[in-house]
PDB file of N, CA and C in Angstrom:
ATOM      1  N   MET A   1       1.818  12.262  21.146  1.00  0.00           N
ATOM      2  CA  MET A   1       0.693  11.197  20.830  1.00  0.00           C
ATOM      3  C   MET A   1       0.081  12.077  19.208  1.00  0.00           C
ATOM      4  N   LYS A   2      -0.692  11.080  18.024  1.00  0.00           N
ATOM      5  CA  LYS A   2      -0.898  11.614  16.775  1.00  0.00           C
ATOM      6  C   LYS A   2      -1.885  10.996  16.574  1.00  0.00           C
ATOM      7  N   ILE A   3      -3.301  11.684  15.794  1.00  0.00           N
ATOM      8  CA  ILE A   3      -4.416  10.997  15.607  1.00  0.00           C
ATOM      9  C   ILE A   3      -4.484  11.310  14.518  1.00  0.00           C
ATOM     10  N   GLU A   4      -4.954  10.572  12.789  1.00  0.00           N
ATOM     11  CA  GLU A   4      -5.391  10.845  11.752  1.00  0.00           C
ATOM     12  C   GLU A   4      -6.415   9.848  11.771  1.00  0.00           C
ATOM     13  N   LYS A   5      -7.690  10.485  10.528  1.00  0.00           N
ATOM     14  CA  LYS A   5      -8.452   9.447  10.306  1.00  0.00           C
ATOM     15  C   LYS A   5      -8.178   9.148   8.747  1.00  0.00           C
ATOM     16  N   ILE A   6      -8.695   8.062   8.509  1.00  0.00           N
ATOM     17  CA  ILE A   6      -7.904   6.928   7.444  1.00  0.00           C
ATOM     18  C   ILE A   6      -9.261   7.487   6.837  1.00  0.00           C
ATOM     19  N   ALA A   7     -10.352   7.900   7.099  1.00  0.00           N
ATOM     20  CA  ALA A   7     -11.502   8.561   6.008  1.00  0.00           C
ATOM     21  C   ALA A   7     -11.215   9.303   5.469  1.00  0.00           C
ATOM     22  N   ASP A   8     -10.141  10.312   5.597  1.00  0.00           N
ATOM     23  CA  ASP A   8      -9.933  11.273   4.606  1.00  0.00           C
ATOM     24  C   ASP A   8      -8.790  11.359   4.155  1.00  0.00           C
ATOM     25  N   LYS A   9      -8.103   9.756   4.470  1.00  0.00           N
ATOM     26  CA  LYS A   9      -6.770   9.598   3.167  1.00  0.00           C
ATOM     27  C   LYS A   9      -7.281   8.353   2.346  1.00  0.00           C
ATOM     28  N   ILE A  10      -8.713   8.637   2.339  1.00  0.00           N
ATOM     29  CA  ILE A  10      -9.297   7.127   0.751  1.00  0.00           C
ATOM     30  C   ILE A  10     -10.317   8.403  -0.026  1.00  0.00           C
ATOM     31  N   VAL A  11      -8.903   8.603  -0.975  1.00  0.00           N
ATOM     32  CA  VAL A  11      -9.259   9.895  -2.035  1.00  0.00           C
ATOM     33  C   VAL A  11      -8.924   8.922  -3.434  1.00  0.00           C
ATOM     34  N   TYR A  12      -9.471   8.870  -4.389  1.00  0.00           N
ATOM     35  CA  TYR A  12      -9.650   8.085  -4.944  1.00  0.00           C
ATOM     36  C   TYR A  12      -9.276   9.563  -6.539  1.00  0.00           C
ATOM     37  N   LYS A  13      -8.862   9.120  -7.333  1.00  0.00           N
ATOM     38  CA  LYS A  13      -8.240   9.419  -9.195  1.00  0.00           C
ATOM     39  C   LYS A  13      -8.440   8.562 -10.347  1.00  0.00           C
ATOM     40  N   ASP A  14      -8.802   9.212 -11.447  1.00  0.00           N
ATOM     41  CA  ASP A  14      -9.108   8.412 -12.295  1.00  0.00           C
ATOM     42  C   ASP A  14      -8.091   7.952 -12.741  1.00  0.00           C
ATOM     43  N   ASP A  15      -6.868   9.111 -12.460  1.00  0.00           N
ATOM     44  CA  ASP A  15      -5.995   8.801 -13.405  1.00  0.00           C
ATOM     45  C   ASP A  15      -4.651   8.366 -13.408  1.00  0.00           C
ATOM     46  N   ASN A  16      -4.824   7.844 -12.215  1.00  0.00           N
ATOM     47  CA  ASN A  16      -3.631   7.209 -11.361  1.00  0.00           C
ATOM     48  C   ASN A  16      -4.036   6.847  -9.476  1.00  0.00           C
ATOM     49  N   LEU A  17      -3.412   6.275  -9.238  1.00  0.00           N
ATOM     50  CA  LEU A  17      -3.725   5.830  -7.990  1.00  0.00           C
ATOM     51  C   LEU A  17      -2.743   6.664  -6.749  1.00  0.00           C
ATOM     52  N   THR A  18      -3.527   6.847  -5.162  1.00  0.00           N
ATOM     53  CA  THR A  18      -3.144   8.022  -4.877  1.00  0.00           C
ATOM     54  C   THR A  18      -2.351   7.378  -3.457  1.00  0.00           C
ATOM     55  N   LYS A  19      -1.450   8.149  -2.747  1.00  0.00           N
ATOM     56  CA  LYS A  19      -1.062   7.354  -1.658  1.00  0.00           C
ATOM     57  C   LYS A  19      -1.533   8.366  -0.670  1.00  0.00           C
ATOM     58  N   LYS A  20      -1.558   8.723   0.423  1.00  0.00           N
ATOM     59  CA  LYS A  20      -1.865   9.526   1.113  1.00  0.00           C
ATOM     60  C   LYS A  20      -1.001   9.302   2.836  1.00  0.00           C
ATOM     61  N   ILE A  21      -0.104  10.074   3.156  1.00  0.00           N
ATOM     62  CA  ILE A  21       0.195   9.749   4.272  1.00  0.00           C
ATOM     63  C   ILE A  21      -0.225  10.008   5.635  1.00  0.00           C
ATOM     64  N   LEU A  22      -0.257   9.124   6.336  1.00  0.00           N
ATOM     65  CA  LEU A  22      -0.589   9.077   7.608  1.00  0.00           C
ATOM     66  C   LEU A  22       0.465   9.327   8.856  1.00  0.00           C
ATOM     67  N   PHE A  23       1.291   9.180   8.755  1.00  0.00           N
ATOM     68  CA  PHE A  23       2.422   9.273   9.841  1.00  0.00           C
ATOM     69  C   PHE A  23       3.894   8.764   8.869  1.00  0.00           C
ATOM     70  N   ASN A  24       4.815  10.055   9.117  1.00  0.00           N
ATOM     71  CA  ASN A  24       6.364  10.152   8.501  1.00  0.00           C
ATOM     72  C   ASN A  24       6.961  10.231   9.430  1.00  0.00           C
ATOM     73  N   GLU A  25       7.513   9.103  10.303  1.00  0.00           N
ATOM     74  CA  GLU A  25       8.505   9.192  11.226  1.00  0.00           C
ATOM     75  C   GLU A  25      10.175   8.972  11.045  1.00  0.00           C
ATOM     76  N   SER A  26      10.555   8.739  11.750  1.00  0.00           N
ATOM     77  CA  SER A  26      11.818   8.421  11.334  1.00  0.00           C
ATOM     78  C   SER A  26      11.729   6.743  12.115  1.00  0.00           C
ATOM     79  N   ARG A  27      11.262   6.223  12.796  1.00  0.00           N
ATOM     80  CA  ARG A  27      11.138   4.634  12.777  1.00  0.00           C
ATOM     81  C   ARG A  27       9.980   4.046  11.366  1.00  0.00           C
ATOM     82  N   VAL A  28       8.923   4.980  11.102  1.00  0.00           N
ATOM     83  CA  VAL A  28       7.902   4.117  10.682  1.00  0.00           C
ATOM     84  C   VAL A  28       7.538   5.187   9.415  1.00  0.00           C
ATOM     85  N   LEU A  29       7.178   4.481   8.136  1.00  0.00           N
ATOM     86  CA  LEU A  29       6.277   5.359   7.589  1.00  0.00           C
ATOM     87  C   LEU A  29       4.877   4.683   7.244  1.00  0.00           C
ATOM     88  N   ASN A  30       3.994   5.225   7.268  1.00  0.00           N
ATOM     89  CA  ASN A  30       2.289   4.865   7.394  1.00  0.00           C
ATOM     90  C   ASN A  30       1.838   5.586   6.247  1.00  0.00           C
ATOM     91  N   PHE A  31       1.074   4.818   5.250  1.00  0.00           N
ATOM     92  CA  PHE A  31      -0.325   5.655   4.159  1.00  0.00           C
ATOM     93  C   PHE A  31      -1.337   4.555   3.775  1.00  0.00           C
ATOM     94  N   VAL A  32      -1.904   5.284   3.220  1.00  0.00           N
ATOM     95  CA  VAL A  32      -2.745   4.521   2.588  1.00  0.00           C
ATOM     96  C   VAL A  32      -2.956   4.822   0.898  1.00  0.00           C
ATOM     97  N   LEU A  33      -2.888   3.720   0.145  1.00  0.00           N
ATOM     98  CA  LEU A  33      -2.758   3.483  -0.866  1.00  0.00           C
ATOM     99  C   LEU A  33      -4.106   3.431  -1.406  1.00  0.00           C
ATOM    100  N   ASN A  34      -4.845   3.703  -2.415  1.00  0.00           N
ATOM    101  CA  ASN A  34      -5.957   3.740  -3.245  1.00  0.00           C
ATOM    102  C   ASN A  34      -5.878   3.812  -5.030  1.00  0.00           C
ATOM    103  N   PHE A  35      -6.807   2.891  -5.187  1.00  0.00           N
ATOM    104  CA  PHE A  35      -6.314   1.932  -6.314  1.00  0.00           C
ATOM    105  C   PHE A  35      -7.873   2.173  -6.834  1.00  0.00           C
ATOM    106  N   ARG A  36      -7.950   2.645  -8.374  1.00  0.00           N
ATOM    107  CA  ARG A  36      -9.940   2.720  -8.911  1.00  0.00           C
ATOM    108  C   ARG A  36      -9.241   1.106  -9.456  1.00  0.00           C
ATOM    109  N   PRO A  37     -10.446   0.194 -10.303  1.00  0.00           N
ATOM    110  CA  PRO A  37      -9.911  -1.011 -10.611  1.00  0.00           C
ATOM    111  C   PRO A  37      -9.140  -0.748 -11.567  1.00  0.00           C
ATOM    112  N   GLY A  38      -7.953  -1.331 -12.145  1.00  0.00           N
ATOM    113  CA  GLY A  38      -7.113  -1.504 -12.954  1.00  0.00           C
ATOM    114  C   GLY A  38      -5.783  -0.909 -12.832  1.00  0.00           C
ATOM    115  N   GLN A  39      -5.807   0.106 -11.723  1.00  0.00           N
ATOM    116  CA  GLN A  39      -4.552   0.336 -11.393  1.00  0.00           C
ATOM    117  C   GLN A  39      -3.828  -0.210 -10.082  1.00  0.00           C
ATOM    118  N   GLY A  40      -2.716  -0.042 -10.108  1.00  0.00           N
ATOM    119  CA  GLY A  40      -1.795  -0.764  -9.047  1.00  0.00           C
ATOM    120  C   GLY A  40      -0.213  -0.175  -9.370  1.00  0.00           C
ATOM    121  N   VAL A  41       0.062  -0.842  -8.660  1.00  0.00           N
ATOM    122  CA  VAL A  41       1.994  -0.573  -8.104  1.00  0.00           C
ATOM    123  C   VAL A  41       2.850  -2.044  -8.825  1.00  0.00           C
ATOM    124  N   PRO A  42       3.597  -1.134 -10.090  1.00  0.00           N
ATOM    125  CA  PRO A  42       4.825  -2.203 -10.263  1.00  0.00           C
ATOM    126  C   PRO A  42       5.422  -3.000  -9.300  1.00  0.00           C
ATOM    127  N   PRO A  43       6.322  -4.126  -9.796  1.00  0.00           N
ATOM    128  CA  PRO A  43       6.909  -4.882  -9.107  1.00  0.00           C
ATOM    129  C   PRO A  43       8.231  -4.259  -8.492  1.00  0.00           C
ATOM    130  N   HIS A  44       8.604  -4.192  -7.301  1.00  0.00           N
ATOM    131  CA  HIS A  44       9.444  -3.465  -6.863  1.00  0.00           C
ATOM    132  C   HIS A  44      10.086  -4.174  -5.171  1.00  0.00           C
ATOM    133  N   HIS A  45      10.680  -3.552  -4.337  1.00  0.00           N
ATOM    134  CA  HIS A  45      11.176  -4.083  -3.035  1.00  0.00           C
ATOM    135  C   HIS A  45      11.661  -2.667  -2.434  1.00  0.00           C
ATOM    136  N   HIS A  46      11.276  -3.145  -1.536  1.00  0.00           N
ATOM    137  CA  HIS A  46      11.612  -2.032  -0.178  1.00  0.00           C
ATOM    138  C   HIS A  46      12.970  -1.765   1.201  1.00  0.00           C
ATOM    139  N   GLU A  47      13.683  -2.166   0.356  1.00  0.00           N
ATOM    140  CA  GLU A  47      15.106  -2.101   0.875  1.00  0.00           C
ATOM    141  C   GLU A  47      15.477  -3.540   2.206  1.00  0.00           C
ATOM    142  N   GLN A  48      15.467  -2.618   3.088  1.00  0.00           N
ATOM    143  CA  GLN A  48      15.147  -3.699   4.927  1.00  0.00           C
ATOM    144  C   GLN A  48      14.985  -3.005   5.172  1.00  0.00           C
ATOM    145  N   SER A  49      13.557  -2.351   4.766  1.00  0.00           N
ATOM    146  CA  SER A  49      11.758  -2.210   5.571  1.00  0.00           C
ATOM    147  C   SER A  49      10.978  -3.369   4.848  1.00  0.00           C
ATOM    148  N   ASP A  50      10.339  -3.991   6.124  1.00  0.00           N
ATOM    149  CA  ASP A  50       9.450  -4.897   6.021  1.00  0.00           C
ATOM    150  C   ASP A  50       8.170  -3.803   5.722  1.00  0.00           C
ATOM    151  N   LEU A  51       7.390  -4.307   5.443  1.00  0.00           N
ATOM    152  CA  LEU A  51       5.842  -4.251   4.722  1.00  0.00           C
ATOM    153  C   LEU A  51       4.870  -5.172   5.277  1.00  0.00           C
ATOM    154  N   ILE A  52       4.083  -3.957   5.689  1.00  0.00           N
ATOM    155  CA  ILE A  52       2.449  -4.731   6.213  1.00  0.00           C
ATOM    156  C   ILE A  52       1.437  -3.890   5.324  1.00  0.00           C
ATOM    157  N   ILE A  53       0.893  -4.694   4.697  1.00  0.00           N
ATOM    158  CA  ILE A  53      -0.585  -3.936   3.963  1.00  0.00           C
ATOM    159  C   ILE A  53      -1.960  -5.395   4.789  1.00  0.00           C
ATOM    160  N   HIS A  54      -2.628  -4.099   4.895  1.00  0.00           N
ATOM    161  CA  HIS A  54      -4.073  -4.481   5.490  1.00  0.00           C
ATOM    162  C   HIS A  54      -5.281  -3.658   3.954  1.00  0.00           C
ATOM    163  N   VAL A  55      -5.937  -4.246   2.974  1.00  0.00           N
ATOM    164  CA  VAL A  55      -6.178  -4.264   2.400  1.00  0.00           C
ATOM    165  C   VAL A  55      -7.720  -3.944   3.287  1.00  0.00           C
ATOM    166  N   LEU A  56      -8.235  -2.380   3.385  1.00  0.00           N
ATOM    167  CA  LEU A  56      -9.144  -1.515   3.584  1.00  0.00           C
ATOM    168  C   LEU A  56     -10.784  -2.514   3.054  1.00  0.00           C
ATOM    169  N   VAL A  57     -10.919  -2.197   2.077  1.00  0.00           N
ATOM    170  CA  VAL A  57     -11.842  -2.248   0.776  1.00  0.00           C
ATOM    171  C   VAL A  57     -11.349  -2.783  -0.701  1.00  0.00           C
ATOM    172  N   GLY A  58     -12.076  -3.265  -1.128  1.00  0.00           N
ATOM    173  CA  GLY A  58     -11.744  -3.770  -2.517  1.00  0.00           C
ATOM    174  C   GLY A  58     -11.538  -5.244  -1.926  1.00  0.00           C
ATOM    175  N   GLN A  59     -10.662  -5.601  -3.545  1.00  0.00           N
ATOM    176  CA  GLN A  59     -10.010  -6.465  -3.833  1.00  0.00           C
ATOM    177  C   GLN A  59      -8.632  -6.428  -5.068  1.00  0.00           C
ATOM    178  N   GLY A  60      -8.024  -7.168  -4.999  1.00  0.00           N
ATOM    179  CA  GLY A  60      -7.065  -7.389  -5.845  1.00  0.00           C
ATOM    180  C   GLY A  60      -5.997  -8.547  -6.128  1.00  0.00           C
ATOM    181  N   GLU A  61      -4.874  -8.122  -7.284  1.00  0.00           N
ATOM    182  CA  GLU A  61      -3.696  -8.977  -6.738  1.00  0.00           C
ATOM    183  C   GLU A  61      -2.828  -8.728  -6.414  1.00  0.00           C
ATOM    184  N   MET A  62      -1.594  -9.740  -5.213  1.00  0.00           N
ATOM    185  CA  MET A  62      -0.413  -8.685  -4.912  1.00  0.00           C
ATOM    186  C   MET A  62       0.538  -9.821  -5.182  1.00  0.00           C
ATOM    187  N   GLY A  63       1.628  -9.654  -5.926  1.00  0.00           N
ATOM    188  CA  GLY A  63       2.471 -10.197  -6.898  1.00  0.00           C
ATOM    189  C   GLY A  63       3.759 -10.243  -5.624  1.00  0.00           C
ATOM    190  N   VAL A  64       4.188 -11.718  -5.277  1.00  0.00           N
ATOM    191  CA  VAL A  64       5.240 -11.688  -4.233  1.00  0.00           C
ATOM    192  C   VAL A  64       6.543 -12.541  -4.759  1.00  0.00           C
ATOM    193  N   ASP A  65       7.515 -11.807  -5.259  1.00  0.00           N
ATOM    194  CA  ASP A  65       8.721 -12.964  -5.437  1.00  0.00           C
ATOM    195  C   ASP A  65       8.231 -13.794  -7.096  1.00  0.00           C
ATOM    196  N   GLY A  66       7.242 -13.187  -7.682  1.00  0.00           N
ATOM    197  CA  GLY A  66       6.883 -13.817  -8.751  1.00  0.00           C
ATOM    198  C   GLY A  66       5.528 -15.026  -9.018  1.00  0.00           C
ATOM    199  N   THR A  67       4.361 -14.333  -7.714  1.00  0.00           N
ATOM    200  CA  THR A  67       3.368 -15.322  -7.193  1.00  0.00           C
ATOM    201  C   THR A  67       2.234 -14.758  -7.399  1.00  0.00           C
ATOM    202  N   ILE A  68       1.448 -14.758  -8.192  1.00  0.00           N
ATOM    203  CA  ILE A  68       0.278 -14.101  -7.356  1.00  0.00           C
ATOM    204  C   ILE A  68      -0.405 -14.352  -6.534  1.00  0.00           C
ATOM    205  N   HIS A  69      -0.575 -13.533  -5.755  1.00  0.00           N
ATOM    206  CA  HIS A  69      -2.024 -13.665  -4.429  1.00  0.00           C
ATOM    207  C   HIS A  69      -3.055 -13.736  -4.450  1.00  0.00           C
ATOM    208  N   GLU A  70      -4.355 -13.533  -4.476  1.00  0.00           N
ATOM    209  CA  GLU A  70      -5.033 -13.290  -4.444  1.00  0.00           C
ATOM    210  C   GLU A  70      -5.661 -12.580  -3.089  1.00  0.00           C
ATOM    211  N   ILE A  71      -6.272 -11.143  -2.454  1.00  0.00           N
ATOM    212  CA  ILE A  71      -6.399 -10.675  -1.770  1.00  0.00           C
ATOM    213  C   ILE A  71      -7.616  -9.876  -1.661  1.00  0.00           C
ATOM    214  N   THR A  72      -8.434  -9.609  -0.559  1.00  0.00           N
ATOM    215  CA  THR A  72      -9.558  -9.276  -0.415  1.00  0.00           C
ATOM    216  C   THR A  72      -9.680  -8.385   0.490  1.00  0.00           C
ATOM    217  N   GLU A  73     -10.938  -7.469   0.926  1.00  0.00           N
ATOM    218  CA  GLU A  73     -10.952  -6.771   2.285  1.00  0.00           C
ATOM    219  C   GLU A  73     -10.624  -7.633   3.651  1.00  0.00           C
ATOM    220  N   GLY A  74      -9.683  -6.986   4.261  1.00  0.00           N
ATOM    221  CA  GLY A  74      -9.464  -7.763   5.352  1.00  0.00           C
ATOM    222  C   GLY A  74      -8.179  -9.059   5.753  1.00  0.00           C
ATOM    223  N   ASP A  75      -8.205  -8.747   4.608  1.00  0.00           N
ATOM    224  CA  ASP A  75      -6.798  -9.292   4.667  1.00  0.00           C
ATOM    225  C   ASP A  75      -5.582  -8.368   4.562  1.00  0.00           C
ATOM    226  N   VAL A  76      -4.698  -9.274   5.449  1.00  0.00           N
ATOM    227  CA  VAL A  76      -3.255  -8.883   6.155  1.00  0.00           C
ATOM    228  C   VAL A  76      -2.403  -9.538   5.490  1.00  0.00           C
ATOM    229  N   ILE A  77      -1.427  -8.281   5.360  1.00  0.00           N
ATOM    230  CA  ILE A  77       0.213  -9.057   3.757  1.00  0.00           C
ATOM    231  C   ILE A  77       1.386  -8.316   4.590  1.00  0.00           C
ATOM    232  N   HIS A  78       2.092  -9.289   5.062  1.00  0.00           N
ATOM    233  CA  HIS A  78       3.426  -9.127   6.086  1.00  0.00           C
ATOM    234  C   HIS A  78       4.847  -9.286   4.513  1.00  0.00           C
ATOM    235  N   CYS A  79       5.377  -8.305   4.392  1.00  0.00           N
ATOM    236  CA  CYS A  79       6.360  -8.600   3.302  1.00  0.00           C
ATOM    237  C   CYS A  79       8.340  -8.536   3.760  1.00  0.00           C
ATOM    238  N   LYS A  80       8.983  -9.213   3.646  1.00  0.00           N
ATOM    239  CA  LYS A  80      10.300  -8.842   4.275  1.00  0.00           C
ATOM    240  C   LYS A  80      10.594  -7.969   2.791  1.00  0.00           C
ATOM    241  N   GLY A  81      11.297  -6.648   3.354  1.00  0.00           N
ATOM    242  CA  GLY A  81      12.243  -5.875   2.494  1.00  0.00           C
ATOM    243  C   GLY A  81      12.793  -5.745   1.366  1.00  0.00           C
ATOM    244  N   SER A  82      13.123  -7.476   1.090  1.00  0.00           N
ATOM    245  CA  SER A  82      14.303  -8.259   0.143  1.00  0.00           C
ATOM    246  C   SER A  82      13.171  -8.370  -1.250  1.00  0.00           C
ATOM    247  N   GLU A  83      11.922  -8.906  -0.645  1.00  0.00           N
ATOM    248  CA  GLU A  83      11.150  -9.842  -1.646  1.00  0.00           C
ATOM    249  C   GLU A  83      10.294  -8.965  -2.269  1.00  0.00           C
ATOM    250  N   VAL A  84      10.126  -9.282  -3.378  1.00  0.00           N
ATOM    251  CA  VAL A  84       9.647  -7.626  -4.659  1.00  0.00           C
ATOM    252  C   VAL A  84       7.899  -8.553  -4.892  1.00  0.00           C
ATOM    253  N   PHE A  85       7.775  -7.304  -4.758  1.00  0.00           N
ATOM    254  CA  PHE A  85       6.147  -7.440  -4.812  1.00  0.00           C
ATOM    255  C   PHE A  85       5.186  -6.199  -5.972  1.00  0.00           C
ATOM    256  N   SER A  86       4.006  -6.923  -6.043  1.00  0.00           N
ATOM    257  CA  SER A  86       3.052  -5.843  -6.575  1.00  0.00           C
ATOM    258  C   SER A  86       1.700  -5.990  -5.958  1.00  0.00           C
ATOM    259  N   LEU A  87       1.230  -4.773  -6.908  1.00  0.00           N
ATOM    260  CA  LEU A  87      -0.167  -5.030  -6.399  1.00  0.00           C
ATOM    261  C   LEU A  87      -0.919  -4.033  -7.159  1.00  0.00           C
ATOM    262  N   LYS A  88      -1.847  -4.805  -7.298  1.00  0.00           N
ATOM    263  CA  LYS A  88      -2.864  -4.426  -8.332  1.00  0.00           C
ATOM    264  C   LYS A  88      -4.889  -4.976  -8.249  1.00  0.00           C
ATOM    265  N   ASN A  89      -5.823  -3.551  -8.386  1.00  0.00           N
ATOM    266  CA  ASN A  89      -6.882  -3.877  -8.113  1.00  0.00           C
ATOM    267  C   ASN A  89      -7.515  -4.276  -9.042  1.00  0.00           C
ATOM    268  N   THR A  90      -7.942  -5.743  -9.099  1.00  0.00           N
ATOM    269  CA  THR A  90      -8.197  -6.311  -9.718  1.00  0.00           C
ATOM    270  C   THR A  90      -9.684  -6.145 -10.444  1.00  0.00           C
ATOM    271  N   GLY A  91     -10.320  -5.750  -8.768  1.00  0.00           N
ATOM    272  CA  GLY A  91     -11.792  -5.712  -9.383  1.00  0.00           C
ATOM    273  C   GLY A  91     -12.686  -5.218  -9.866  1.00  0.00           C
ATOM    274  N   ASP A  92     -13.963  -4.897  -9.625  1.00  0.00           N
ATOM    275  CA  ASP A  92     -14.559  -3.786 -10.244  1.00  0.00           C
ATOM    276  C   ASP A  92     -15.183  -2.627  -9.566  1.00  0.00           C
ATOM    277  N   LYS A  93     -14.915  -2.752  -8.083  1.00  0.00           N
ATOM    278  CA  LYS A  93     -15.134  -1.392  -6.903  1.00  0.00           C
ATOM    279  C   LYS A  93     -13.740  -0.806  -6.922  1.00  0.00           C
ATOM    280  N   ASP A  94     -13.196   0.026  -6.016  1.00  0.00           N
ATOM    281  CA  ASP A  94     -11.837   1.283  -5.563  1.00  0.00           C
ATOM    282  C   ASP A  94     -11.796   0.171  -4.673  1.00  0.00           C
ATOM    283  N   MET A  95      -9.971   0.098  -4.964  1.00  0.00           N
ATOM    284  CA  MET A  95      -9.675  -0.318  -3.556  1.00  0.00           C
ATOM    285  C   MET A  95      -9.023   0.191  -2.445  1.00  0.00           C
ATOM    286  N   SER A  96      -9.233   0.727  -1.711  1.00  0.00           N
ATOM    287  CA  SER A  96      -7.560   0.767  -0.395  1.00  0.00           C
ATOM    288  C   SER A  96      -7.107   0.339   1.016  1.00  0.00           C
ATOM    289  N   CYS A  97      -5.905   0.214   0.575  1.00  0.00           N
ATOM    290  CA  CYS A  97      -4.768  -0.256   1.812  1.00  0.00           C
ATOM    291  C   CYS A  97      -4.385   0.105   2.470  1.00  0.00           C
ATOM    292  N   PHE A  98      -4.108  -0.466   3.689  1.00  0.00           N
ATOM    293  CA  PHE A  98      -3.668   0.669   4.918  1.00  0.00           C
ATOM    294  C   PHE A  98      -2.280   0.419   4.954  1.00  0.00           C
ATOM    295  N   VAL A  99      -1.002   0.858   5.117  1.00  0.00           N
ATOM    296  CA  VAL A  99       0.607   0.106   4.462  1.00  0.00           C
ATOM    297  C   VAL A  99       1.345   0.290   5.704  1.00  0.00           C
ATOM    298  N   ILE A 100       2.518   0.034   6.080  1.00  0.00           N
ATOM    299  CA  ILE A 100       3.649   0.261   7.189  1.00  0.00           C
ATOM    300  C   ILE A 100       4.301  -0.190   6.498  1.00  0.00           C
ATOM    301  N   LEU A 101       5.570   0.529   6.323  1.00  0.00           N
ATOM    302  CA  LEU A 101       6.546   0.118   5.804  1.00  0.00           C
ATOM    303  C   LEU A 101       7.734   0.932   7.323  1.00  0.00           C
ATOM    304  N   ALA A 102       8.635  -0.164   8.167  1.00  0.00           N
ATOM    305  CA  ALA A 102       9.035   0.195   9.163  1.00  0.00           C
ATOM    306  C   ALA A 102      10.187  -1.151   8.784  1.00  0.00           C
ATOM    307  N   PRO A 103      11.437  -0.659   9.479  1.00  0.00           N
ATOM    308  CA  PRO A 103      11.760   1.097   9.627  1.00  0.00           C
ATOM    309  C   PRO A 103      11.539   2.025   8.302  1.00  0.00           C
ATOM    310  N   ASN A 104      11.496   3.078   8.322  1.00  0.00           N
ATOM    311  CA  ASN A 104      11.128   3.818   7.488  1.00  0.00           C
ATOM    312  C   ASN A 104      12.240   4.140   6.184  1.00  0.00           C
ATOM    313  N   PRO A 105      11.928   3.433   5.207  1.00  0.00           N
ATOM    314  CA  PRO A 105      12.570   3.046   4.000  1.00  0.00           C
ATOM    315  C   PRO A 105      13.688   4.386   3.535  1.00  0.00           C
ATOM    316  N   SER A 106      13.433   5.196   3.645  1.00  0.00           N
ATOM    317  CA  SER A 106      13.940   6.577   2.846  1.00  0.00           C
ATOM    318  C   SER A 106      13.116   7.929   2.017  1.00  0.00           C
ATOM    319  N   ALA A 107      13.541   8.727   1.773  1.00  0.00           N
ATOM    320  CA  ALA A 107      12.972   9.748   1.087  1.00  0.00           C
ATOM    321  C   ALA A 107      12.347   9.491   0.444  1.00  0.00           C
ATOM    322  N   ALA A 108      12.752   8.418  -0.344  1.00  0.00           N
ATOM    323  CA  ALA A 108      12.123   8.341  -2.357  1.00  0.00           C
ATOM    324  C   ALA A 108      10.277   7.897  -2.068  1.00  0.00           C
ATOM    325  N   TYR A 109      10.395   7.553  -0.821  1.00  0.00           N
ATOM    326  CA  TYR A 109       9.015   6.317  -0.295  1.00  0.00           C
ATOM    327  C   TYR A 109       8.014   7.430   0.496  1.00  0.00           C
ATOM    328  N   SER A 110       8.321   8.938   0.792  1.00  0.00           N
ATOM    329  CA  SER A 110       7.949   9.649   1.605  1.00  0.00           C
ATOM    330  C   SER A 110       6.889  10.773   0.416  1.00  0.00           C
ATOM    331  N   ILE A 111       7.201  10.152  -0.262  1.00  0.00           N
ATOM    332  CA  ILE A 111       6.247  11.229  -1.016  1.00  0.00           C
ATOM    333  C   ILE A 111       4.884  11.370  -1.194  1.00  0.00           C
ATOM    334  N   GLU A 112       3.505  11.874  -1.516  1.00  0.00           N
ATOM    335  CA  GLU A 112       2.343  11.637  -1.133  1.00  0.00           C
ATOM    336  C   GLU A 112       1.993  12.046  -2.873  1.00  0.00           C
ATOM    337  N   VAL A 113       1.221  11.296  -3.438  1.00  0.00           N
ATOM    338  CA  VAL A 113       0.576  11.234  -4.864  1.00  0.00           C
ATOM    339  C   VAL A 113      -0.614  11.492  -4.707  1.00  0.00           C
TER     340      VAL A 113
END
């Protein structure tokens, strides 16, 4: 068993989003994405891995296969690995999201920033 504190993973930087890994296991990758207003991730997909995002704080927009969805604190989103998604903090406050990828897609996604 492992225990991590999400509060320790909520770290913001003015120049770029942060990605703080909680668990990087053979079957699952879990991390927290932290965005200042205006920061985001461009459209991409995660191979054969399903994506679950829980908006912990803040609000923003999530594009899925070209359709924009407003997301806010408390929302939980599921995307299939083939769906192309983007994520952006469109609010005026910081936004943090708890992210799960399963199965763990590849080493390229396991890099903390």
